[in-house]
Protein backbone atom coordinates (compact mmCIF):
# COMPACT_ATOMS: atom_id res chain seq x y z
CA MET A 1 3.18 8.64 17.63
CA THR A 2 1.46 6.74 14.98
CA ASN A 3 -2.35 6.59 14.94
CA TRP A 4 -2.77 3.14 13.74
CA ARG A 5 -6.80 3.61 13.95
CA ALA A 6 -6.38 6.11 11.12
CA VAL A 7 -3.56 4.05 9.31
CA ILE A 8 -6.04 0.78 9.35
CA ILE A 9 -9.32 2.81 8.45
CA GLY A 10 -7.23 4.41 5.51
CA PHE A 11 -6.09 0.79 4.31
CA LEU A 12 -9.53 -0.48 4.37
CA VAL A 13 -11.02 2.55 2.57
CA GLU A 14 -8.27 1.84 -0.15
CA LEU A 15 -9.01 -1.94 -0.12
CA VAL A 16 -12.64 -1.46 -0.63
CA LEU A 17 -12.60 1.25 -3.29
CA GLY A 18 -9.61 -1.01 -4.80
CA ILE A 19 -12.08 -3.87 -5.12
CA ILE A 20 -14.65 -1.37 -6.69
CA GLY A 21 -12.04 0.11 -8.79
CA PHE A 22 -12.09 -3.23 -11.00
CA VAL A 23 -14.83 -1.57 -12.89
CA ILE A 24 -12.91 1.57 -14.01
CA PRO A 25 -9.32 -0.14 -13.85
CA VAL A 26 -6.82 2.56 -13.88
CA LEU A 27 -8.78 5.42 -12.72
CA GLY A 28 -10.39 3.38 -9.81
CA HIS A 29 -7.26 2.22 -8.46
CA ALA A 30 -5.42 5.64 -8.47
CA ALA A 31 -8.67 7.08 -7.08
CA ALA A 32 -8.56 4.36 -4.20
CA GLY A 33 -5.25 5.21 -3.33
CA LEU A 34 -5.61 8.88 -3.07
CA ILE A 35 -8.84 8.85 -1.28
CA GLY A 36 -7.51 6.08 1.22
CA GLY A 37 -4.40 8.14 2.15
CA PHE A 38 -6.38 11.40 2.35
CA VAL A 39 -8.78 9.67 5.09
CA ALA A 40 -5.87 8.29 6.99
CA GLY A 41 -4.09 11.68 7.02
CA TYR A 42 -7.58 13.39 7.81
CA LEU A 43 -8.18 10.96 10.80
CA ALA A 44 -4.63 11.46 12.14
CA GLY A 45 -4.86 15.07 11.85
CA GLY A 46 -1.94 17.29 12.84
CA GLY A 47 -0.51 19.14 9.80
CA LEU A 48 1.51 17.97 6.69
CA GLY A 49 3.80 15.89 8.13
CA ARG A 50 1.88 13.87 10.31
CA GLY A 51 -1.07 13.46 7.81
CA GLY A 52 1.72 12.50 5.06
CA TRP A 53 3.17 9.81 7.35
CA HIS A 54 -0.52 7.99 8.18
CA GLY A 55 -1.39 8.57 4.26
CA LEU A 56 1.97 6.89 3.41
CA LEU A 57 1.68 3.99 6.20
CA ALA A 58 -2.00 3.05 4.56
CA GLY A 59 -1.01 3.22 1.20
CA ALA A 60 2.17 0.72 1.96
CA LEU A 61 0.32 -1.41 4.16
CA GLY A 62 -1.62 -3.45 1.52
CA GLY A 63 1.47 -3.34 -0.93
CA VAL A 64 3.69 -4.85 1.78
CA ILE A 65 1.01 -7.50 2.55
CA LEU A 66 0.66 -8.31 -1.02
CA GLY A 67 4.32 -8.31 -1.66
CA ALA A 68 4.94 -10.44 1.59
CA LEU A 69 2.63 -12.89 0.01
CA VAL A 70 4.16 -12.91 -3.50
CA LEU A 71 7.67 -13.38 -1.80
CA VAL A 72 6.55 -16.48 0.35
CA GLY A 73 4.55 -18.04 -2.52
CA GLY A 74 6.97 -16.95 -5.39
CA SER A 75 9.88 -18.39 -3.41
CA LEU A 76 8.09 -21.79 -2.44
CA VAL A 77 6.63 -22.35 -6.04
CA GLY A 78 10.04 -21.55 -7.72
CA GLY A 79 12.00 -23.72 -5.22
CA ILE A 80 9.65 -26.58 -6.05
CA ALA A 81 9.25 -26.08 -9.60
CA GLY A 82 12.93 -24.92 -10.34
CA GLY A 83 15.23 -25.83 -7.67
CA PRO A 84 17.52 -23.43 -5.96
CA LEU A 85 17.70 -20.80 -9.15
CA GLY A 86 13.62 -20.85 -8.99
CA PHE A 87 13.66 -20.10 -5.30
CA ILE A 88 16.05 -17.14 -5.90
CA ALA A 89 14.12 -16.00 -8.82
CA GLY A 90 10.84 -16.26 -6.70
CA LEU A 91 12.63 -14.30 -3.82
CA GLY A 92 14.04 -11.43 -6.28
CA ILE A 93 10.44 -11.18 -7.79
CA GLY A 94 8.81 -10.80 -4.16
CA VAL A 95 11.39 -8.27 -3.03
CA GLY A 96 10.74 -6.49 -6.37
CA SER A 97 6.94 -6.13 -5.77
CA ILE A 98 7.56 -5.04 -2.30
CA ILE A 99 9.91 -2.11 -3.39
CA ILE A 100 6.98 -1.14 -6.13
CA ALA A 101 4.54 -1.34 -3.63
CA LEU A 102 6.41 0.92 -1.37
CA LEU A 103 7.06 3.41 -4.21
CA LEU A 104 3.36 3.49 -5.29
CA ALA A 105 2.38 4.53 -1.61
CA ILE A 106 3.88 7.87 -2.37
CA PRO A 107 0.83 9.21 -3.89
CA SER A 108 -1.16 8.30 -0.57
CA GLY A 109 1.20 9.90 1.47
CA ILE A 110 0.71 13.18 -0.60
CA ALA A 111 -3.06 12.72 -0.35
CA GLY A 112 -2.50 12.13 3.37
CA ALA A 113 -0.50 15.06 3.84
CA ILE A 114 -3.39 17.37 2.32
CA GLY A 115 -5.68 15.44 4.64
CA GLY A 116 -3.67 16.24 7.62
CA ALA A 117 -3.58 19.78 6.55
CA VAL A 118 -7.48 20.05 6.06
CA ALA A 119 -8.36 18.63 9.44
């Protein structure tokens, strides 16, 4: 069963460190995902699989939320500005951003597996 407390705390760690990460653009954001995933996995405990699952969820949560906002906003703006083709383009950009966000959550999952093993 998923420990949503661990996922939310891991997500919040990623969010705060991601905001701070603007000082060191690439390294700061990469470290935010890894540390947040580790925290989620550590709090969930239970070994590699359980920690990895919670780290993956923590890493994907922010990306999916952002992707959903891009999906809705891009579709609306595209539909208003470009008609049906603009709507489809905005929809495609939103779906693409969700897929990319899920792929970028993989490092958080790996760090979560390490955190789960350490706990």
